[in-house]
Amino acid sequence: MRQAIDIGSTQDPRAEICRLFDLQAASRWTVSRSTASERRKKLQRFKASLEKHRAAVAEGIRRDFGRSPQESEFIEIHPSLDEINHAIAHVAEWMRPEAVEAPVLLADTASEIRWEPKGQVLVLSPWNYPVFLTIGPLVGAIAAGNVVILKPSEKIPETNRALRAVLADAFGENEVAMVEGDASLAEALLELPFDHVFFTGSTRVGKLVMAAAAKTLASVTLELGGKSPAIVAPDAHLSRAAHSIAWGKFVNDGQTCVAPDYALVQEGQRQAFLDGLRAALERIYGPESGWATNA
């Protein structure tokens, strides 16, 4: 299937993204009326493609920023497959109308909540978890009966090449299209009247995304960064606490939005905690751990 476009290679990137937007606009109504069985089959096709290309995806991440394939399997590929499996198992349930009590003004009537697709969805994903934070929003959008344009970070070209192959084997560009380019491409995409925008990244850029989406009244989902303290209670098992905090902080080289930024420890336990932290890091990332990068 012809699917992904490198906008940077085209002479008129705005014309190309408008072409993709219009192509998906022509398909959105058919996609929105798809049955649970049809959506399940799409997700199963997506799962099969990710499994087929999983080694290439992990290798792309390693080439882009040195993360070991073992770590990528554990923190991105397995969770992405779990997301797909969860949607496959529950999509029919999610689509089912929900009966609710009618309000007084509508006495003697029956009321229900019907879940409708948004329509055309834009996903802007980051570089630090380039697979899971692209596939997660995409899975939800597909299960809900939407068409999607993905714009991943331009900082991960090898990963994007692998993701392009995953998507090309699973979807036509009238349903899911991936475009590549810098921040100016994201700005151009945000000028189009998408029905929903999903952005993962910094608070600063999140504000810009929300302001741009307001011009077209698109609904927005923002997954932004923050500060995350780790509180170690006086009666905590220090070695276990140190191991959990070491894992949470240093997984993916610390490039995780919910990673603990600092630990609050009783003064008298400070040195014991630091010793436990050093030991935990050696166990998790030492030369015998199997997690060391191959870069």
Protein backbone atom coordinates (compact mmCIF):
# COMPACT_ATOMS: atom_id res chain seq x y z
CA MET A 1 0.00 0.00 0.00
CA ARG A 2 1.28 3.51 -0.77
CA GLN A 3 1.15 5.18 2.58
CA ALA A 4 3.87 7.44 3.98
CA ILE A 5 5.15 10.70 2.53
CA ASP A 6 8.43 12.49 3.21
CA ILE A 7 7.15 16.03 2.86
CA GLY A 8 10.70 17.36 2.89
CA SER A 9 11.26 15.70 -0.47
CA THR A 10 8.34 17.43 -2.18
CA GLN A 11 8.52 20.85 -3.81
CA ASP A 12 5.24 22.05 -2.29
CA PRO A 13 4.73 20.44 1.13
CA ARG A 14 1.53 22.37 1.84
CA ALA A 15 -0.03 21.09 -1.37
CA GLU A 16 0.90 17.53 -0.41
CA ILE A 17 -0.59 17.66 3.08
CA CYS A 18 -3.72 19.26 1.63
CA ARG A 19 -3.93 16.39 -0.85
CA LEU A 20 -3.72 13.85 1.98
CA PHE A 21 -6.24 15.76 4.06
CA ASP A 22 -8.71 15.90 1.17
CA LEU A 23 -8.13 12.22 0.36
CA GLN A 24 -8.97 11.26 3.93
CA ALA A 25 -11.92 13.64 3.99
CA ALA A 26 -13.41 11.63 1.13
CA SER A 27 -13.00 8.41 3.15
CA ARG A 28 -14.00 9.59 6.62
CA TRP A 29 -17.70 8.84 6.29
CA THR A 30 -17.12 5.30 5.06
CA VAL A 31 -14.57 4.69 7.83
CA SER A 32 -16.85 6.20 10.47
CA ARG A 33 -19.60 3.72 9.56
CA SER A 34 -17.30 0.70 9.82
CA THR A 35 -18.49 -2.13 12.05
CA ALA A 36 -16.73 -3.51 15.11
CA SER A 37 -15.69 -6.51 13.05
CA GLU A 38 -14.15 -4.30 10.36
CA ARG A 39 -12.25 -2.22 12.90
CA ARG A 40 -11.04 -5.36 14.63
CA LYS A 41 -9.67 -6.67 11.33
CA LYS A 42 -7.79 -3.40 10.77
CA LEU A 43 -6.26 -3.66 14.21
CA GLN A 44 -5.31 -7.29 13.64
CA ARG A 45 -3.63 -6.29 10.37
CA PHE A 46 -1.80 -3.53 12.23
CA LYS A 47 -0.65 -5.97 14.92
CA ALA A 48 0.63 -8.44 12.33
CA SER A 49 2.60 -5.70 10.58
CA LEU A 50 4.19 -4.47 13.81
CA GLU A 51 5.19 -8.01 14.72
CA LYS A 52 6.65 -8.50 11.24
CA HIS A 53 8.77 -5.33 11.47
CA ARG A 54 9.54 -5.33 15.22
CA ALA A 55 13.26 -6.07 14.78
CA ALA A 56 13.60 -3.26 12.23
CA VAL A 57 11.76 -0.87 14.55
CA ALA A 58 14.08 -1.68 17.47
CA GLU A 59 17.12 -1.33 15.20
CA GLY A 60 15.86 2.04 13.94
CA ILE A 61 15.62 3.32 17.51
CA ARG A 62 19.13 2.04 18.25
CA ARG A 63 20.51 3.86 15.22
CA ASP A 64 18.73 7.09 16.11
CA PHE A 65 19.69 7.42 19.77
CA GLY A 66 21.45 4.31 20.98
CA ARG A 67 18.78 2.56 23.00
CA SER A 68 19.34 -1.19 23.20
CA PRO A 69 16.89 -3.40 21.25
CA GLN A 70 16.07 -5.27 24.49
CA GLU A 71 14.95 -2.05 26.17
CA SER A 72 12.93 -0.98 23.13
CA GLU A 73 11.14 -4.32 23.13
CA PHE A 74 10.30 -3.94 26.81
CA ILE A 75 9.23 -0.29 26.97
CA GLU A 76 7.80 0.31 23.49
CA ILE A 77 7.07 -2.67 21.29
CA HIS A 78 5.44 -4.90 23.91
CA PRO A 79 3.30 -2.01 25.28
CA SER A 80 2.28 -1.07 21.73
CA LEU A 81 1.15 -4.63 21.03
CA ASP A 82 -0.72 -4.61 24.34
CA GLU A 83 -2.56 -1.45 23.23
CA ILE A 84 -3.59 -3.12 20.00
CA ASN A 85 -4.68 -6.32 21.77
CA HIS A 86 -6.73 -4.31 24.27
CA ALA A 87 -8.52 -2.46 21.48
CA ILE A 88 -9.18 -5.70 19.58
CA ALA A 89 -10.74 -7.21 22.70
CA HIS A 90 -12.90 -4.19 23.59
CA VAL A 91 -13.78 -2.32 20.39
CA ALA A 92 -17.26 -3.89 20.14
CA GLU A 93 -17.97 -2.96 23.77
CA TRP A 94 -16.76 0.60 23.22
CA MET A 95 -19.07 1.03 20.22
CA ARG A 96 -22.18 -0.26 21.99
CA PRO A 97 -24.80 2.42 22.82
CA GLU A 98 -25.29 3.07 26.53
CA ALA A 99 -28.86 3.35 27.83
CA VAL A 100 -29.40 6.25 30.25
CA GLU A 101 -32.36 7.64 32.15
CA ALA A 102 -34.31 10.24 30.17
CA PRO A 103 -34.49 13.76 31.65
CA VAL A 104 -37.78 15.06 33.01
CA LEU A 105 -38.40 17.23 29.96
CA LEU A 106 -38.23 14.10 27.79
CA ALA A 107 -40.58 11.98 29.88
CA ASP A 108 -41.99 8.84 28.23
CA THR A 109 -38.98 8.62 25.92
CA ALA A 110 -35.93 6.38 25.78
CA SER A 111 -32.47 7.93 25.91
CA GLU A 112 -29.06 6.51 25.13
CA ILE A 113 -25.51 7.66 24.56
CA ARG A 114 -24.13 6.84 21.11
CA TRP A 115 -20.39 7.03 20.58
CA GLU A 116 -19.46 8.71 17.29
CA PRO A 117 -16.04 9.04 15.60
CA LYS A 118 -14.42 12.45 15.67
CA GLY A 119 -13.61 12.21 11.95
CA GLN A 120 -10.16 13.43 10.91
CA VAL A 121 -7.45 13.15 13.54
CA LEU A 122 -3.92 14.58 13.67
CA VAL A 123 -1.31 12.89 15.89
CA LEU A 124 1.89 14.82 16.67
CA SER A 125 4.29 12.47 18.44
CA PRO A 126 7.71 12.99 20.12
CA TRP A 127 11.15 11.45 19.69
CA ASN A 128 11.69 9.97 23.17
CA TYR A 129 9.10 7.17 22.86
CA PRO A 130 8.68 7.29 19.09
CA VAL A 131 6.80 4.00 18.75
CA PHE A 132 4.51 3.76 21.78
CA LEU A 133 3.53 7.46 21.74
CA THR A 134 2.69 7.20 18.05
CA ILE A 135 0.95 3.84 18.07
CA GLY A 136 -1.02 4.41 21.28
CA PRO A 137 -3.02 7.41 20.00
CA LEU A 138 -3.29 5.80 16.56
CA VAL A 139 -4.84 2.62 17.98
CA GLY A 140 -7.48 4.61 19.84
CA ALA A 141 -8.29 6.66 16.75
CA ILE A 142 -8.64 3.56 14.57
CA ALA A 143 -10.82 1.76 17.11
CA ALA A 144 -13.07 4.83 17.25
CA GLY A 145 -13.52 4.85 13.46
CA ASN A 146 -11.38 7.82 12.47
CA VAL A 147 -8.93 8.58 9.69
CA VAL A 148 -5.50 9.75 10.86
CA ILE A 149 -2.49 11.76 9.75
CA LEU A 150 0.64 11.13 11.83
CA LYS A 151 3.49 13.59 12.14
CA PRO A 152 6.37 12.04 14.15
CA SER A 153 9.48 13.90 15.26
CA GLU A 154 11.97 14.71 12.52
CA LYS A 155 14.81 13.81 14.92
CA ILE A 156 14.40 10.05 14.45
CA PRO A 157 14.72 9.32 10.71
CA GLU A 158 15.68 5.64 11.07
CA THR A 159 12.78 4.92 13.41
CA ASN A 160 10.43 6.76 11.08
CA ARG A 161 11.63 4.64 8.18
CA ALA A 162 10.74 1.49 10.11
CA LEU A 163 7.38 2.88 11.22
CA ARG A 164 6.62 3.81 7.63
CA ALA A 165 7.02 0.14 6.66
CA VAL A 166 4.74 -0.95 9.52
CA LEU A 167 2.00 1.43 8.44
CA ALA A 168 2.40 0.77 4.71
CA ASP A 169 1.71 -2.94 5.25
CA ALA A 170 -1.40 -2.23 7.29
CA PHE A 171 -3.21 0.81 5.86
CA GLY A 172 -3.86 2.83 2.77
CA GLU A 173 -3.08 6.54 2.98
CA ASN A 174 -6.80 7.31 2.70
CA GLU A 175 -7.09 5.90 6.24
CA VAL A 176 -3.68 6.41 7.88
CA ALA A 177 -0.91 8.59 6.44
CA MET A 178 2.44 9.50 7.95
CA VAL A 179 4.20 12.71 6.96
CA GLU A 180 7.71 13.79 7.91
CA GLY A 181 9.17 17.25 8.29
CA ASP A 182 10.24 19.90 10.78
CA ALA A 183 8.21 22.23 13.00
CA SER A 184 7.04 24.25 9.99
CA LEU A 185 5.22 21.16 8.74
CA ALA A 186 3.44 20.79 12.08
CA GLU A 187 2.40 24.43 11.85
CA ALA A 188 1.01 23.86 8.36
CA LEU A 189 -0.90 20.77 9.50
CA LEU A 190 -2.45 22.71 12.39
CA GLU A 191 -3.91 25.18 9.90
CA LEU A 192 -6.08 22.39 8.47
CA PRO A 193 -9.55 21.79 9.98
CA PHE A 194 -8.90 18.52 11.80
CA ASP A 195 -11.61 17.34 14.16
CA HIS A 196 -9.18 16.27 16.87
CA VAL A 197 -5.49 16.84 17.59
CA PHE A 198 -3.38 14.61 19.84
CA PHE A 199 -0.04 16.11 20.91
CA THR A 200 2.69 14.72 23.15
CA GLY A 201 5.53 17.03 24.10
CA SER A 202 6.47 20.12 26.08
CA THR A 203 4.08 22.49 27.83
CA ARG A 204 5.42 25.37 25.73
CA VAL A 205 4.57 23.69 22.43
CA GLY A 206 1.34 22.30 23.88
CA LYS A 207 0.10 25.86 24.37
CA LEU A 208 0.85 26.62 20.73
CA VAL A 209 -0.99 23.49 19.60
CA MET A 210 -4.04 24.38 21.67
CA ALA A 211 -4.07 27.94 20.36
CA ALA A 212 -3.83 26.74 16.75
CA ALA A 213 -6.55 24.12 17.24
CA ALA A 214 -8.87 26.73 18.72
CA LYS A 215 -8.97 28.50 15.35
CA THR A 216 -10.72 25.49 13.80
CA LEU A 217 -12.55 24.44 17.01
CA ALA A 218 -10.74 21.10 16.99
CA SER A 219 -10.81 19.21 20.26
CA VAL A 220 -7.36 18.55 21.71
CA THR A 221 -5.62 15.91 23.81
CA LEU A 222 -2.34 17.12 25.32
CA GLU A 223 0.15 14.80 27.01
CA LEU A 224 2.72 17.17 28.48
CA GLY A 225 5.79 16.98 30.71
CA GLY A 226 6.06 17.79 34.40
CA LYS A 227 8.01 17.28 37.62
CA SER A 228 7.62 13.98 39.46
CA PRO A 229 8.88 13.59 43.04
CA ALA A 230 9.55 10.18 44.59
CA ILE A 231 8.74 10.09 48.32
CA VAL A 232 10.51 7.40 50.34
CA ALA A 233 8.59 6.80 53.58
CA PRO A 234 10.56 6.23 56.82
CA ASP A 235 9.44 2.59 57.00
CA ALA A 236 10.10 1.84 53.31
CA HIS A 237 12.28 -1.07 52.23
CA LEU A 238 15.19 1.06 51.03
CA SER A 239 16.73 -1.35 48.54
CA ARG A 240 13.36 -1.96 46.88
CA ALA A 241 12.59 1.75 46.82
CA ALA A 242 16.01 2.49 45.34
CA HIS A 243 15.52 -0.17 42.67
CA SER A 244 12.09 1.19 41.68
CA ILE A 245 13.35 4.77 41.54
CA ALA A 246 16.48 3.81 39.60
CA TRP A 247 14.39 2.00 37.02
CA GLY A 248 11.85 4.81 36.72
CA LYS A 249 14.49 7.50 36.43
CA PHE A 250 17.05 5.91 34.15
CA VAL A 251 14.92 3.82 31.81
CA ASN A 252 15.20 5.32 28.32
CA ASP A 253 18.19 7.36 29.58
CA GLY A 254 15.84 9.39 31.75
CA GLN A 255 13.89 10.71 28.75
CA THR A 256 10.46 9.90 30.21
CA CYS A 257 7.90 12.57 31.08
CA VAL A 258 6.82 10.77 34.27
CA ALA A 259 10.35 9.86 35.42
CA PRO A 260 11.05 10.77 39.06
CA ASP A 261 13.01 14.04 39.09
CA TYR A 262 14.03 13.99 42.74
CA ALA A 263 13.69 11.78 45.81
CA LEU A 264 12.58 12.91 49.25
CA VAL A 265 14.35 10.71 51.80
CA GLN A 266 14.71 10.86 55.59
CA GLU A 267 18.02 12.57 56.47
CA GLY A 268 19.23 9.57 58.44
CA GLN A 269 18.54 7.24 55.48
CA ARG A 270 20.25 9.34 52.84
CA GLN A 271 23.49 7.38 52.55
CA ALA A 272 21.76 3.99 52.69
CA PHE A 273 19.43 5.12 49.91
CA LEU A 274 22.33 6.33 47.75
CA ASP A 275 24.15 3.04 48.26
CA GLY A 276 20.99 1.17 47.26
CA LEU A 277 20.62 3.38 44.19
CA ARG A 278 24.17 2.65 43.03
CA ALA A 279 23.67 -1.07 43.52
CA ALA A 280 20.36 -0.97 41.64
CA LEU A 281 21.91 0.84 38.68
CA GLU A 282 24.66 -1.76 38.49
CA ARG A 283 22.09 -4.58 38.51
CA ILE A 284 19.86 -2.96 35.91
CA TYR A 285 22.39 -1.39 33.54
CA GLY A 286 25.73 -2.98 34.37
CA PRO A 287 27.74 -4.93 31.77
CA GLU A 288 26.17 -8.23 32.83
CA SER A 289 22.58 -6.96 32.69
CA GLY A 290 21.97 -7.41 28.95
CA TRP A 291 20.52 -3.89 28.76
CA ALA A 292 23.67 -2.10 27.70
CA THR A 293 23.35 -0.34 24.36
CA ASN A 294 24.85 -1.79 21.21
CA ALA A 295 25.46 1.64 19.72
